[in-house]
Amino acid sequence: MLLVRCFVDTGIVPPLDPRPYSPQWLLHRDEEKFLDIVRRFATEKEVSPGVPAEALAKAGDVIVYRFGRCFAHGAIVLDSGHVIHAWKLEGCVTISPLNDIALTQLASGRPRPRKLFDCWAK
């Protein structure tokens, strides 16, 4: 809901309410409900294989991460090194490094799937 509030309250996107959106959706479903909403209002940036999305991130971009079975976590890029996001692990909205291991790596050490979007291009 952080992304919705930020982009709706500033008038960048029209009012919307994505609920019902269960916090457990990502664990039990394959439908990319969160990703579909982001795609309605933003343009995905093409990222070359082997290049991390963070390398192309600019202030105001949205980066989404796959947690569980789908892309279910989003953050707003603040600058070349930080994002702001509602982080359940900390129980609050927080600023994290763009390359935060909890965001960018799976438990196995492999890169976490993520996508980068430009909300200003549409």
PDB file of N, CA and C in Angstrom:
ATOM      1  N   MET A   1       0.809  -1.196   0.000  1.00  0.00           N
ATOM      2  CA  MET A   1       0.000   0.000   0.000  1.00  0.00           C
ATOM      3  C   MET A   1       0.857   1.266   0.000  1.00  0.00           C
ATOM      4  N   LEU A   2       2.140   1.164   0.376  1.00  0.00           N
ATOM      5  CA  LEU A   2       2.998   2.351   0.361  1.00  0.00           C
ATOM      6  C   LEU A   2       3.076   2.944  -1.045  1.00  0.00           C
ATOM      7  N   LEU A   3       3.270   2.106  -2.058  1.00  0.00           N
ATOM      8  CA  LEU A   3       3.350   2.606  -3.425  1.00  0.00           C
ATOM      9  C   LEU A   3       2.031   3.251  -3.841  1.00  0.00           C
ATOM     10  N   VAL A   4       0.921   2.614  -3.509  1.00  0.00           N
ATOM     11  CA  VAL A   4      -0.385   3.169  -3.859  1.00  0.00           C
ATOM     12  C   VAL A   4      -0.544   4.544  -3.230  1.00  0.00           C
ATOM     13  N   ARG A   5      -0.298   4.646  -1.946  1.00  0.00           N
ATOM     14  CA  ARG A   5      -0.488   5.929  -1.256  1.00  0.00           C
ATOM     15  C   ARG A   5       0.430   7.009  -1.839  1.00  0.00           C
ATOM     16  N   CYS A   6       1.678   6.672  -2.078  1.00  0.00           N
ATOM     17  CA  CYS A   6       2.619   7.670  -2.607  1.00  0.00           C
ATOM     18  C   CYS A   6       2.199   8.166  -3.981  1.00  0.00           C
ATOM     19  N   PHE A   7       1.863   7.252  -4.877  1.00  0.00           N
ATOM     20  CA  PHE A   7       1.586   7.650  -6.255  1.00  0.00           C
ATOM     21  C   PHE A   7       0.166   8.171  -6.449  1.00  0.00           C
ATOM     22  N   VAL A   8      -0.803   7.686  -5.666  1.00  0.00           N
ATOM     23  CA  VAL A   8      -2.165   8.212  -5.751  1.00  0.00           C
ATOM     24  C   VAL A   8      -2.238   9.573  -5.063  1.00  0.00           C
ATOM     25  N   ASP A   9      -1.703   9.690  -3.862  1.00  0.00           N
ATOM     26  CA  ASP A   9      -1.814  10.938  -3.108  1.00  0.00           C
ATOM     27  C   ASP A   9      -1.076  12.100  -3.756  1.00  0.00           C
ATOM     28  N   THR A  10      -0.088  11.811  -4.591  1.00  0.00           N
ATOM     29  CA  THR A  10       0.619  12.882  -5.298  1.00  0.00           C
ATOM     30  C   THR A  10       0.007  13.151  -6.671  1.00  0.00           C
ATOM     31  N   GLY A  11      -1.030  12.389  -7.033  1.00  0.00           N
ATOM     32  CA  GLY A  11      -1.720  12.613  -8.293  1.00  0.00           C
ATOM     33  C   GLY A  11      -1.044  12.006  -9.512  1.00  0.00           C
ATOM     34  N   ILE A  12      -0.030  11.192  -9.301  1.00  0.00           N
ATOM     35  CA  ILE A  12       0.684  10.582 -10.425  1.00  0.00           C
ATOM     36  C   ILE A  12      -0.167   9.504 -11.086  1.00  0.00           C
ATOM     37  N   VAL A  13      -0.928   8.766 -10.289  1.00  0.00           N
ATOM     38  CA  VAL A  13      -1.859   7.772 -10.829  1.00  0.00           C
ATOM     39  C   VAL A  13      -3.245   8.059 -10.258  1.00  0.00           C
ATOM     40  N   PRO A  14      -4.301   7.656 -10.976  1.00  0.00           N
ATOM     41  CA  PRO A  14      -5.662   7.891 -10.472  1.00  0.00           C
ATOM     42  C   PRO A  14      -5.935   7.028  -9.244  1.00  0.00           C
ATOM     43  N   PRO A  15      -6.930   7.419  -8.454  1.00  0.00           N
ATOM     44  CA  PRO A  15      -7.262   6.644  -7.250  1.00  0.00           C
ATOM     45  C   PRO A  15      -7.528   5.175  -7.575  1.00  0.00           C
ATOM     46  N   LEU A  16      -7.014   4.316  -6.712  1.00  0.00           N
ATOM     47  CA  LEU A  16      -7.263   2.885  -6.843  1.00  0.00           C
ATOM     48  C   LEU A  16      -7.111   2.235  -5.484  1.00  0.00           C
ATOM     49  N   ASP A  17      -7.790   1.112  -5.343  1.00  0.00           N
ATOM     50  CA  ASP A  17      -7.681   0.312  -4.126  1.00  0.00           C
ATOM     51  C   ASP A  17      -7.453  -1.127  -4.567  1.00  0.00           C
ATOM     52  N   PRO A  18      -6.239  -1.640  -4.410  1.00  0.00           N
ATOM     53  CA  PRO A  18      -5.924  -2.984  -4.904  1.00  0.00           C
ATOM     54  C   PRO A  18      -6.478  -4.117  -4.045  1.00  0.00           C
ATOM     55  N   ARG A  19      -7.086  -3.794  -2.923  1.00  0.00           N
ATOM     56  CA  ARG A  19      -7.595  -4.843  -2.044  1.00  0.00           C
ATOM     57  C   ARG A  19      -8.817  -5.531  -2.645  1.00  0.00           C
ATOM     58  N   PRO A  20      -9.136  -6.743  -2.270  1.00  0.00           N
ATOM     59  CA  PRO A  20      -8.428  -7.506  -1.249  1.00  0.00           C
ATOM     60  C   PRO A  20      -7.104  -8.057  -1.786  1.00  0.00           C
ATOM     61  N   TYR A  21      -6.094  -7.925  -0.979  1.00  0.00           N
ATOM     62  CA  TYR A  21      -4.756  -8.385  -1.341  1.00  0.00           C
ATOM     63  C   TYR A  21      -4.142  -8.981  -0.086  1.00  0.00           C
ATOM     64  N   SER A  22      -4.308 -10.260   0.075  1.00  0.00           N
ATOM     65  CA  SER A  22      -3.844 -10.951   1.267  1.00  0.00           C
ATOM     66  C   SER A  22      -2.320 -10.882   1.394  1.00  0.00           C
ATOM     67  N   PRO A  23      -1.794 -10.633   2.594  1.00  0.00           N
ATOM     68  CA  PRO A  23      -0.343 -10.639   2.789  1.00  0.00           C
ATOM     69  C   PRO A  23       0.298 -11.994   2.469  1.00  0.00           C
ATOM     70  N   GLN A  24      -0.510 -13.056   2.434  1.00  0.00           N
ATOM     71  CA  GLN A  24       0.016 -14.389   2.129  1.00  0.00           C
ATOM     72  C   GLN A  24      -0.124 -14.756   0.647  1.00  0.00           C
ATOM     73  N   TRP A  25      -0.634 -13.834  -0.151  1.00  0.00           N
ATOM     74  CA  TRP A  25      -0.858 -14.111  -1.580  1.00  0.00           C
ATOM     75  C   TRP A  25       0.389 -14.716  -2.229  1.00  0.00           C
ATOM     76  N   LEU A  26       1.531 -14.104  -1.971  1.00  0.00           N
ATOM     77  CA  LEU A  26       2.782 -14.508  -2.613  1.00  0.00           C
ATOM     78  C   LEU A  26       3.190 -15.940  -2.288  1.00  0.00           C
ATOM     79  N   LEU A  27       2.655 -16.507  -1.227  1.00  0.00           N
ATOM     80  CA  LEU A  27       3.033 -17.861  -0.827  1.00  0.00           C
ATOM     81  C   LEU A  27       2.166 -18.936  -1.472  1.00  0.00           C
ATOM     82  N   HIS A  28       0.959 -18.564  -1.905  1.00  0.00           N
ATOM     83  CA  HIS A  28      -0.009 -19.571  -2.317  1.00  0.00           C
ATOM     84  C   HIS A  28      -0.540 -19.414  -3.735  1.00  0.00           C
ATOM     85  N   ARG A  29      -0.208 -18.340  -4.413  1.00  0.00           N
ATOM     86  CA  ARG A  29      -0.759 -18.075  -5.740  1.00  0.00           C
ATOM     87  C   ARG A  29       0.347 -17.794  -6.747  1.00  0.00           C
ATOM     88  N   ASP A  30       0.038 -18.036  -8.008  1.00  0.00           N
ATOM     89  CA  ASP A  30       0.969 -17.717  -9.084  1.00  0.00           C
ATOM     90  C   ASP A  30       0.570 -16.439  -9.825  1.00  0.00           C
ATOM     91  N   GLU A  31      -0.679 -16.001  -9.656  1.00  0.00           N
ATOM     92  CA  GLU A  31      -1.156 -14.808 -10.349  1.00  0.00           C
ATOM     93  C   GLU A  31      -0.344 -13.588  -9.902  1.00  0.00           C
ATOM     94  N   GLU A  32       0.198 -12.871 -10.856  1.00  0.00           N
ATOM     95  CA  GLU A  32       1.033 -11.704 -10.566  1.00  0.00           C
ATOM     96  C   GLU A  32       0.173 -10.461 -10.334  1.00  0.00           C
ATOM     97  N   LYS A  33      -0.645 -10.508  -9.291  1.00  0.00           N
ATOM     98  CA  LYS A  33      -1.587  -9.433  -8.999  1.00  0.00           C
ATOM     99  C   LYS A  33      -0.864  -8.093  -8.752  1.00  0.00           C
ATOM    100  N   PHE A  34       0.146  -8.093  -7.924  1.00  0.00           N
ATOM    101  CA  PHE A  34       0.900  -6.875  -7.607  1.00  0.00           C
ATOM    102  C   PHE A  34       1.613  -6.341  -8.854  1.00  0.00           C
ATOM    103  N   LEU A  35       2.288  -7.226  -9.567  1.00  0.00           N
ATOM    104  CA  LEU A  35       3.026  -6.844 -10.769  1.00  0.00           C
ATOM    105  C   LEU A  35       2.081  -6.287 -11.835  1.00  0.00           C
ATOM    106  N   ASP A  36       0.897  -6.867 -11.974  1.00  0.00           N
ATOM    107  CA  ASP A  36      -0.077  -6.378 -12.950  1.00  0.00           C
ATOM    108  C   ASP A  36      -0.502  -4.940 -12.639  1.00  0.00           C
ATOM    109  N   ILE A  37      -0.651  -4.616 -11.371  1.00  0.00           N
ATOM    110  CA  ILE A  37      -1.027  -3.249 -10.989  1.00  0.00           C
ATOM    111  C   ILE A  37       0.104  -2.283 -11.337  1.00  0.00           C
ATOM    112  N   VAL A  38       1.329  -2.644 -11.021  1.00  0.00           N
ATOM    113  CA  VAL A  38       2.470  -1.784 -11.346  1.00  0.00           C
ATOM    114  C   VAL A  38       2.550  -1.568 -12.857  1.00  0.00           C
ATOM    115  N   ARG A  39       2.354  -2.611 -13.625  1.00  0.00           N
ATOM    116  CA  ARG A  39       2.429  -2.513 -15.097  1.00  0.00           C
ATOM    117  C   ARG A  39       1.350  -1.612 -15.687  1.00  0.00           C
ATOM    118  N   ARG A  40       0.223  -1.475 -15.004  1.00  0.00           N
ATOM    119  CA  ARG A  40      -0.842  -0.585 -15.498  1.00  0.00           C
ATOM    120  C   ARG A  40      -0.403   0.870 -15.496  1.00  0.00           C
ATOM    121  N   PHE A  41       0.485   1.232 -14.586  1.00  0.00           N
ATOM    122  CA  PHE A  41       0.819   2.640 -14.391  1.00  0.00           C
ATOM    123  C   PHE A  41       2.275   2.992 -14.664  1.00  0.00           C
ATOM    124  N   ALA A  42       3.091   2.017 -14.983  1.00  0.00           N
ATOM    125  CA  ALA A  42       4.519   2.284 -15.179  1.00  0.00           C
ATOM    126  C   ALA A  42       5.050   1.460 -16.350  1.00  0.00           C
ATOM    127  N   THR A  43       6.162   1.906 -16.886  1.00  0.00           N
ATOM    128  CA  THR A  43       6.808   1.220 -18.004  1.00  0.00           C
ATOM    129  C   THR A  43       8.019   0.465 -17.487  1.00  0.00           C
ATOM    130  N   GLU A  44       8.071  -0.823 -17.791  1.00  0.00           N
ATOM    131  CA  GLU A  44       9.201  -1.631 -17.342  1.00  0.00           C
ATOM    132  C   GLU A  44      10.459  -1.239 -18.107  1.00  0.00           C
ATOM    133  N   LYS A  45      11.548  -1.059 -17.392  1.00  0.00           N
ATOM    134  CA  LYS A  45      12.835  -0.762 -18.011  1.00  0.00           C
ATOM    135  C   LYS A  45      13.488  -2.074 -18.409  1.00  0.00           C
ATOM    136  N   GLU A  46      14.036  -2.105 -19.601  1.00  0.00           N
ATOM    137  CA  GLU A  46      14.737  -3.306 -20.043  1.00  0.00           C
ATOM    138  C   GLU A  46      16.086  -3.395 -19.358  1.00  0.00           C
ATOM    139  N   VAL A  47      16.340  -4.539 -18.773  1.00  0.00           N
ATOM    140  CA  VAL A  47      17.605  -4.778 -18.087  1.00  0.00           C
ATOM    141  C   VAL A  47      18.299  -5.929 -18.793  1.00  0.00           C
ATOM    142  N   SER A  48      19.510  -5.719 -19.215  1.00  0.00           N
ATOM    143  CA  SER A  48      20.267  -6.759 -19.919  1.00  0.00           C
ATOM    144  C   SER A  48      20.625  -7.899 -18.969  1.00  0.00           C
ATOM    145  N   PRO A  49      20.699  -9.118 -19.497  1.00  0.00           N
ATOM    146  CA  PRO A  49      21.106 -10.256 -18.656  1.00  0.00           C
ATOM    147  C   PRO A  49      22.458  -9.980 -17.997  1.00  0.00           C
ATOM    148  N   GLY A  50      22.541 -10.313 -16.731  1.00  0.00           N
ATOM    149  CA  GLY A  50      23.788 -10.117 -15.993  1.00  0.00           C
ATOM    150  C   GLY A  50      23.953  -8.727 -15.416  1.00  0.00           C
ATOM    151  N   VAL A  51      23.063  -7.801 -15.783  1.00  0.00           N
ATOM    152  CA  VAL A  51      23.130  -6.436 -15.252  1.00  0.00           C
ATOM    153  C   VAL A  51      22.058  -6.313 -14.169  1.00  0.00           C
ATOM    154  N   PRO A  52      22.434  -5.958 -12.959  1.00  0.00           N
ATOM    155  CA  PRO A  52      21.418  -5.816 -11.916  1.00  0.00           C
ATOM    156  C   PRO A  52      20.520  -4.612 -12.197  1.00  0.00           C
ATOM    157  N   ALA A  53      19.247  -4.754 -11.878  1.00  0.00           N
ATOM    158  CA  ALA A  53      18.287  -3.666 -12.079  1.00  0.00           C
ATOM    159  C   ALA A  53      18.761  -2.390 -11.398  1.00  0.00           C
ATOM    160  N   GLU A  54      19.440  -2.550 -10.271  1.00  0.00           N
ATOM    161  CA  GLU A  54      19.900  -1.384  -9.507  1.00  0.00           C
ATOM    162  C   GLU A  54      20.854  -0.502 -10.310  1.00  0.00           C
ATOM    163  N   ALA A  55      21.551  -1.080 -11.286  1.00  0.00           N
ATOM    164  CA  ALA A  55      22.514  -0.315 -12.085  1.00  0.00           C
ATOM    165  C   ALA A  55      21.821   0.730 -12.952  1.00  0.00           C
ATOM    166  N   LEU A  56      20.548   0.524 -13.276  1.00  0.00           N
ATOM    167  CA  LEU A  56      19.794   1.450 -14.117  1.00  0.00           C
ATOM    168  C   LEU A  56      18.802   2.301 -13.327  1.00  0.00           C
ATOM    169  N   ALA A  57      18.704   2.062 -12.030  1.00  0.00           N
ATOM    170  CA  ALA A  57      17.697   2.731 -11.207  1.00  0.00           C
ATOM    171  C   ALA A  57      17.976   4.220 -11.060  1.00  0.00           C
ATOM    172  N   LYS A  58      16.891   5.006 -11.197  1.00  0.00           N
ATOM    173  CA  LYS A  58      16.963   6.455 -11.014  1.00  0.00           C
ATOM    174  C   LYS A  58      15.934   6.868  -9.981  1.00  0.00           C
ATOM    175  N   ALA A  59      16.158   7.978  -9.340  1.00  0.00           N
ATOM    176  CA  ALA A  59      15.219   8.482  -8.336  1.00  0.00           C
ATOM    177  C   ALA A  59      13.807   8.528  -8.910  1.00  0.00           C
ATOM    178  N   GLY A  60      12.855   8.013  -8.148  1.00  0.00           N
ATOM    179  CA  GLY A  60      11.461   7.987  -8.568  1.00  0.00           C
ATOM    180  C   GLY A  60      11.049   6.699  -9.249  1.00  0.00           C
ATOM    181  N   ASP A  61      12.006   5.872  -9.649  1.00  0.00           N
ATOM    182  CA  ASP A  61      11.680   4.577 -10.232  1.00  0.00           C
ATOM    183  C   ASP A  61      11.109   3.665  -9.151  1.00  0.00           C
ATOM    184  N   VAL A  62      10.412   2.645  -9.590  1.00  0.00           N
ATOM    185  CA  VAL A  62       9.891   1.617  -8.688  1.00  0.00           C
ATOM    186  C   VAL A  62      10.615   0.326  -9.013  1.00  0.00           C
ATOM    187  N   ILE A  63      11.067  -0.354  -7.980  1.00  0.00           N
ATOM    188  CA  ILE A  63      11.695  -1.664  -8.148  1.00  0.00           C
ATOM    189  C   ILE A  63      10.830  -2.669  -7.402  1.00  0.00           C
ATOM    190  N   VAL A  64      10.522  -3.770  -8.075  1.00  0.00           N
ATOM    191  CA  VAL A  64       9.706  -4.810  -7.448  1.00  0.00           C
ATOM    192  C   VAL A  64      10.527  -6.089  -7.345  1.00  0.00           C
ATOM    193  N   TYR A  65      10.310  -6.800  -6.261  1.00  0.00           N
ATOM    194  CA  TYR A  65      11.098  -7.989  -5.934  1.00  0.00           C
ATOM    195  C   TYR A  65      10.174  -9.200  -5.833  1.00  0.00           C
ATOM    196  N   ARG A  66      10.671 -10.358  -6.243  1.00  0.00           N
ATOM    197  CA  ARG A  66       9.903 -11.589  -6.075  1.00  0.00           C
ATOM    198  C   ARG A  66      10.213 -12.166  -4.705  1.00  0.00           C
ATOM    199  N   PHE A  67       9.175 -12.299  -3.932  1.00  0.00           N
ATOM    200  CA  PHE A  67       9.227 -12.988  -2.648  1.00  0.00           C
ATOM    201  C   PHE A  67       8.177 -14.074  -2.741  1.00  0.00           C
ATOM    202  N   GLY A  68       8.524 -15.289  -2.436  1.00  0.00           N
ATOM    203  CA  GLY A  68       7.569 -16.377  -2.590  1.00  0.00           C
ATOM    204  C   GLY A  68       7.410 -16.730  -4.051  1.00  0.00           C
ATOM    205  N   ARG A  69       6.170 -16.912  -4.478  1.00  0.00           N
ATOM    206  CA  ARG A  69       5.891 -17.362  -5.837  1.00  0.00           C
ATOM    207  C   ARG A  69       5.697 -16.229  -6.835  1.00  0.00           C
ATOM    208  N   CYS A  70       5.564 -14.998  -6.363  1.00  0.00           N
ATOM    209  CA  CYS A  70       5.329 -13.891  -7.296  1.00  0.00           C
ATOM    210  C   CYS A  70       6.064 -12.630  -6.863  1.00  0.00           C
ATOM    211  N   PHE A  71       6.017 -11.646  -7.746  1.00  0.00           N
ATOM    212  CA  PHE A  71       6.565 -10.328  -7.407  1.00  0.00           C
ATOM    213  C   PHE A  71       5.578  -9.692  -6.437  1.00  0.00           C
ATOM    214  N   ALA A  72       6.012  -9.462  -5.211  1.00  0.00           N
ATOM    215  CA  ALA A  72       5.067  -9.060  -4.175  1.00  0.00           C
ATOM    216  C   ALA A  72       5.605  -7.987  -3.242  1.00  0.00           C
ATOM    217  N   HIS A  73       6.751  -7.408  -3.551  1.00  0.00           N
ATOM    218  CA  HIS A  73       7.305  -6.359  -2.698  1.00  0.00           C
ATOM    219  C   HIS A  73       7.820  -5.242  -3.587  1.00  0.00           C
ATOM    220  N   GLY A  74       7.479  -4.022  -3.246  1.00  0.00           N
ATOM    221  CA  GLY A  74       7.906  -2.896  -4.060  1.00  0.00           C
ATOM    222  C   GLY A  74       8.575  -1.817  -3.237  1.00  0.00           C
ATOM    223  N   ALA A  75       9.433  -1.064  -3.901  1.00  0.00           N
ATOM    224  CA  ALA A  75      10.147   0.032  -3.253  1.00  0.00           C
ATOM    225  C   ALA A  75      10.292   1.178  -4.250  1.00  0.00           C
ATOM    226  N   ILE A  76      10.444   2.370  -3.715  1.00  0.00           N
ATOM    227  CA  ILE A  76      10.681   3.549  -4.538  1.00  0.00           C
ATOM    228  C   ILE A  76      12.151   3.916  -4.408  1.00  0.00           C
ATOM    229  N   VAL A  77      12.800   4.095  -5.554  1.00  0.00           N
ATOM    230  CA  VAL A  77      14.211   4.466  -5.566  1.00  0.00           C
ATOM    231  C   VAL A  77      14.328   5.931  -5.139  1.00  0.00           C
ATOM    232  N   LEU A  78      15.154   6.182  -4.132  1.00  0.00           N
ATOM    233  CA  LEU A  78      15.369   7.551  -3.637  1.00  0.00           C
ATOM    234  C   LEU A  78      16.537   8.232  -4.335  1.00  0.00           C
ATOM    235  N   ASP A  79      17.619   7.480  -4.507  1.00  0.00           N
ATOM    236  CA  ASP A  79      18.822   8.012  -5.139  1.00  0.00           C
ATOM    237  C   ASP A  79      19.629   6.823  -5.647  1.00  0.00           C
ATOM    238  N   SER A  80      20.847   7.046  -6.043  1.00  0.00           N
ATOM    239  CA  SER A  80      21.646   5.966  -6.630  1.00  0.00           C
ATOM    240  C   SER A  80      21.993   4.844  -5.653  1.00  0.00           C
ATOM    241  N   GLY A  81      21.667   4.990  -4.403  1.00  0.00           N
ATOM    242  CA  GLY A  81      22.039   3.955  -3.450  1.00  0.00           C
ATOM    243  C   GLY A  81      20.970   3.509  -2.473  1.00  0.00           C
ATOM    244  N   HIS A  82      19.737   4.091  -2.561  1.00  0.00           N
ATOM    245  CA  HIS A  82      18.744   3.792  -1.532  1.00  0.00           C
ATOM    246  C   HIS A  82      17.331   3.668  -2.095  1.00  0.00           C
ATOM    247  N   VAL A  83      16.525   2.872  -1.382  1.00  0.00           N
ATOM    248  CA  VAL A  83      15.099   2.745  -1.667  1.00  0.00           C
ATOM    249  C   VAL A  83      14.331   2.967  -0.372  1.00  0.00           C
ATOM    250  N   ILE A  84      13.064   3.347  -0.516  1.00  0.00           N
ATOM    251  CA  ILE A  84      12.166   3.421   0.637  1.00  0.00           C
ATOM    252  C   ILE A  84      11.069   2.390   0.402  1.00  0.00           C
ATOM    253  N   HIS A  85      10.752   1.632   1.433  1.00  0.00           N
ATOM    254  CA  HIS A  85       9.762   0.568   1.304  1.00  0.00           C
ATOM    255  C   HIS A  85       9.188   0.213   2.659  1.00  0.00           C
ATOM    256  N   ALA A  86       7.991  -0.384   2.655  1.00  0.00           N
ATOM    257  CA  ALA A  86       7.364  -0.882   3.874  1.00  0.00           C
ATOM    258  C   ALA A  86       7.907  -2.275   4.108  1.00  0.00           C
ATOM    259  N   TRP A  87       8.752  -2.423   5.088  1.00  0.00           N
ATOM    260  CA  TRP A  87       9.522  -3.650   5.304  1.00  0.00           C
ATOM    261  C   TRP A  87       8.974  -4.398   6.498  1.00  0.00           C
ATOM    262  N   LYS A  88       8.301  -5.504   6.232  1.00  0.00           N
ATOM    263  CA  LYS A  88       7.707  -6.309   7.293  1.00  0.00           C
ATOM    264  C   LYS A  88       8.754  -6.781   8.302  1.00  0.00           C
ATOM    265  N   LEU A  89       9.977  -7.073   7.828  1.00  0.00           N
ATOM    266  CA  LEU A  89      11.030  -7.530   8.739  1.00  0.00           C
ATOM    267  C   LEU A  89      11.332  -6.500   9.826  1.00  0.00           C
ATOM    268  N   GLU A  90      11.160  -5.218   9.514  1.00  0.00           N
ATOM    269  CA  GLU A  90      11.410  -4.163  10.496  1.00  0.00           C
ATOM    270  C   GLU A  90      10.120  -3.607  11.089  1.00  0.00           C
ATOM    271  N   GLY A  91       8.981  -3.959  10.489  1.00  0.00           N
ATOM    272  CA  GLY A  91       7.691  -3.516  11.002  1.00  0.00           C
ATOM    273  C   GLY A  91       7.401  -2.051  10.764  1.00  0.00           C
ATOM    274  N   CYS A  92       8.015  -1.470   9.737  1.00  0.00           N
ATOM    275  CA  CYS A  92       7.804  -0.052   9.467  1.00  0.00           C
ATOM    276  C   CYS A  92       8.253   0.297   8.053  1.00  0.00           C
ATOM    277  N   VAL A  93       7.985   1.530   7.666  1.00  0.00           N
ATOM    278  CA  VAL A  93       8.543   2.046   6.418  1.00  0.00           C
ATOM    279  C   VAL A  93       9.989   2.414   6.721  1.00  0.00           C
ATOM    280  N   THR A  94      10.887   2.001   5.846  1.00  0.00           N
ATOM    281  CA  THR A  94      12.308   2.204   6.113  1.00  0.00           C
ATOM    282  C   THR A  94      13.062   2.524   4.830  1.00  0.00           C
ATOM    283  N   ILE A  95      14.232   3.065   4.998  1.00  0.00           N
ATOM    284  CA  ILE A  95      15.140   3.309   3.879  1.00  0.00           C
ATOM    285  C   ILE A  95      16.219   2.241   3.944  1.00  0.00           C
ATOM    286  N   SER A  96      16.442   1.577   2.814  1.00  0.00           N
ATOM    287  CA  SER A  96      17.444   0.512   2.742  1.00  0.00           C
ATOM    288  C   SER A  96      18.398   0.782   1.585  1.00  0.00           C
ATOM    289  N   PRO A  97      19.598   0.237   1.670  1.00  0.00           N
ATOM    290  CA  PRO A  97      20.501   0.337   0.521  1.00  0.00           C
ATOM    291  C   PRO A  97      19.908  -0.410  -0.672  1.00  0.00           C
ATOM    292  N   LEU A  98      20.122   0.109  -1.859  1.00  0.00           N
ATOM    293  CA  LEU A  98      19.651  -0.548  -3.081  1.00  0.00           C
ATOM    294  C   LEU A  98      20.182  -1.968  -3.186  1.00  0.00           C
ATOM    295  N   ASN A  99      21.369  -2.201  -2.681  1.00  0.00           N
ATOM    296  CA  ASN A  99      21.979  -3.529  -2.781  1.00  0.00           C
ATOM    297  C   ASN A  99      21.835  -4.348  -1.495  1.00  0.00           C
ATOM    298  N   ASP A 100      20.835  -4.025  -0.673  1.00  0.00           N
ATOM    299  CA  ASP A 100      20.574  -4.762   0.569  1.00  0.00           C
ATOM    300  C   ASP A 100      20.418  -6.246   0.244  1.00  0.00           C
ATOM    301  N   ILE A 101      21.189  -7.090   0.899  1.00  0.00           N
ATOM    302  CA  ILE A 101      21.179  -8.530   0.626  1.00  0.00           C
ATOM    303  C   ILE A 101      19.790  -9.129   0.825  1.00  0.00           C
ATOM    304  N   ALA A 102      19.044  -8.670   1.827  1.00  0.00           N
ATOM    305  CA  ALA A 102      17.703  -9.214   2.063  1.00  0.00           C
ATOM    306  C   ALA A 102      16.767  -8.927   0.895  1.00  0.00           C
ATOM    307  N   LEU A 103      17.017  -7.847   0.161  1.00  0.00           N
ATOM    308  CA  LEU A 103      16.205  -7.509  -1.002  1.00  0.00           C
ATOM    309  C   LEU A 103      16.722  -8.140  -2.286  1.00  0.00           C
ATOM    310  N   THR A 104      18.012  -8.267  -2.417  1.00  0.00           N
ATOM    311  CA  THR A 104      18.601  -8.646  -3.707  1.00  0.00           C
ATOM    312  C   THR A 104      19.053 -10.101  -3.825  1.00  0.00           C
ATOM    313  N   GLN A 105      19.088 -10.833  -2.699  1.00  0.00           N
ATOM    314  CA  GLN A 105      19.550 -12.223  -2.767  1.00  0.00           C
ATOM    315  C   GLN A 105      18.553 -13.175  -2.125  1.00  0.00           C
ATOM    316  N   LEU A 106      18.436 -14.337  -2.728  1.00  0.00           N
ATOM    317  CA  LEU A 106      17.651 -15.419  -2.144  1.00  0.00           C
ATOM    318  C   LEU A 106      18.477 -16.077  -1.044  1.00  0.00           C
ATOM    319  N   ALA A 107      17.845 -16.891  -0.226  1.00  0.00           N
ATOM    320  CA  ALA A 107      18.552 -17.580   0.855  1.00  0.00           C
ATOM    321  C   ALA A 107      19.699 -18.430   0.316  1.00  0.00           C
ATOM    322  N   SER A 108      19.563 -18.904  -0.920  1.00  0.00           N
ATOM    323  CA  SER A 108      20.597 -19.733  -1.534  1.00  0.00           C
ATOM    324  C   SER A 108      21.817 -18.916  -1.974  1.00  0.00           C
ATOM    325  N   GLY A 109      21.701 -17.589  -1.950  1.00  0.00           N
ATOM    326  CA  GLY A 109      22.787 -16.731  -2.412  1.00  0.00           C
ATOM    327  C   GLY A 109      22.626 -16.290  -3.857  1.00  0.00           C
ATOM    328  N   ARG A 110      21.698 -16.921  -4.581  1.00  0.00           N
ATOM    329  CA  ARG A 110      21.426 -16.504  -5.962  1.00  0.00           C
ATOM    330  C   ARG A 110      20.703 -15.158  -5.963  1.00  0.00           C
ATOM    331  N   PRO A 111      20.801 -14.422  -7.061  1.00  0.00           N
ATOM    332  CA  PRO A 111      20.108 -13.131  -7.128  1.00  0.00           C
ATOM    333  C   PRO A 111      18.588 -13.301  -7.058  1.00  0.00           C
ATOM    334  N   ARG A 112      17.941 -12.444  -6.298  1.00  0.00           N
ATOM    335  CA  ARG A 112      16.478 -12.435  -6.217  1.00  0.00           C
ATOM    336  C   ARG A 112      15.938 -11.804  -7.501  1.00  0.00           C
ATOM    337  N   PRO A 113      14.940 -12.401  -8.137  1.00  0.00           N
ATOM    338  CA  PRO A 113      14.347 -11.772  -9.312  1.00  0.00           C
ATOM    339  C   PRO A 113      13.742 -10.413  -8.939  1.00  0.00           C
ATOM    340  N   ARG A 114      14.018  -9.429  -9.775  1.00  0.00           N
ATOM    341  CA  ARG A 114      13.476  -8.097  -9.551  1.00  0.00           C
ATOM    342  C   ARG A 114      13.301  -7.397 -10.887  1.00  0.00           C
ATOM    343  N   LYS A 115      12.397  -6.440 -10.898  1.00  0.00           N
ATOM    344  CA  LYS A 115      12.084  -5.689 -12.106  1.00  0.00           C
ATOM    345  C   LYS A 115      12.091  -4.210 -11.752  1.00  0.00           C
ATOM    346  N   LEU A 116      12.452  -3.399 -12.746  1.00  0.00           N
ATOM    347  CA  LEU A 116      12.557  -1.958 -12.555  1.00  0.00           C
ATOM    348  C   LEU A 116      11.555  -1.255 -13.455  1.00  0.00           C
ATOM    349  N   PHE A 117      10.867  -0.261 -12.908  1.00  0.00           N
ATOM    350  CA  PHE A 117       9.830   0.455 -13.642  1.00  0.00           C
ATOM    351  C   PHE A 117      10.027   1.958 -13.561  1.00  0.00           C
ATOM    352  N   ASP A 118       9.688   2.612 -14.665  1.00  0.00           N
ATOM    353  CA  ASP A 118       9.691   4.070 -14.758  1.00  0.00           C
ATOM    354  C   ASP A 118       8.235   4.520 -14.680  1.00  0.00           C
ATOM    355  N   CYS A 119       7.886   5.231 -13.627  1.00  0.00           N
ATOM    356  CA  CYS A 119       6.506   5.685 -13.447  1.00  0.00           C
ATOM    357  C   CYS A 119       6.240   6.989 -14.190  1.00  0.00           C
ATOM    358  N   TRP A 120       7.234   7.561 -14.774  1.00  0.00           N
ATOM    359  CA  TRP A 120       7.100   8.860 -15.433  1.00  0.00           C
ATOM    360  C   TRP A 120       6.966   8.731 -16.937  1.00  0.00           C
ATOM    361  N   ALA A 121       7.189   7.549 -17.489  1.00  0.00           N
ATOM    362  CA  ALA A 121       7.209   7.360 -18.940  1.00  0.00           C
ATOM    363  C   ALA A 121       5.811   7.272 -19.553  1.00  0.00           C
ATOM    364  N   LYS A 122       4.814   6.860 -18.773  1.00  0.00           N
ATOM    365  CA  LYS A 122       3.453   6.686 -19.336  1.00  0.00           C
ATOM    366  C   LYS A 122       2.693   7.974 -19.337  1.00  0.00           C
TER     367      LYS A 122
END
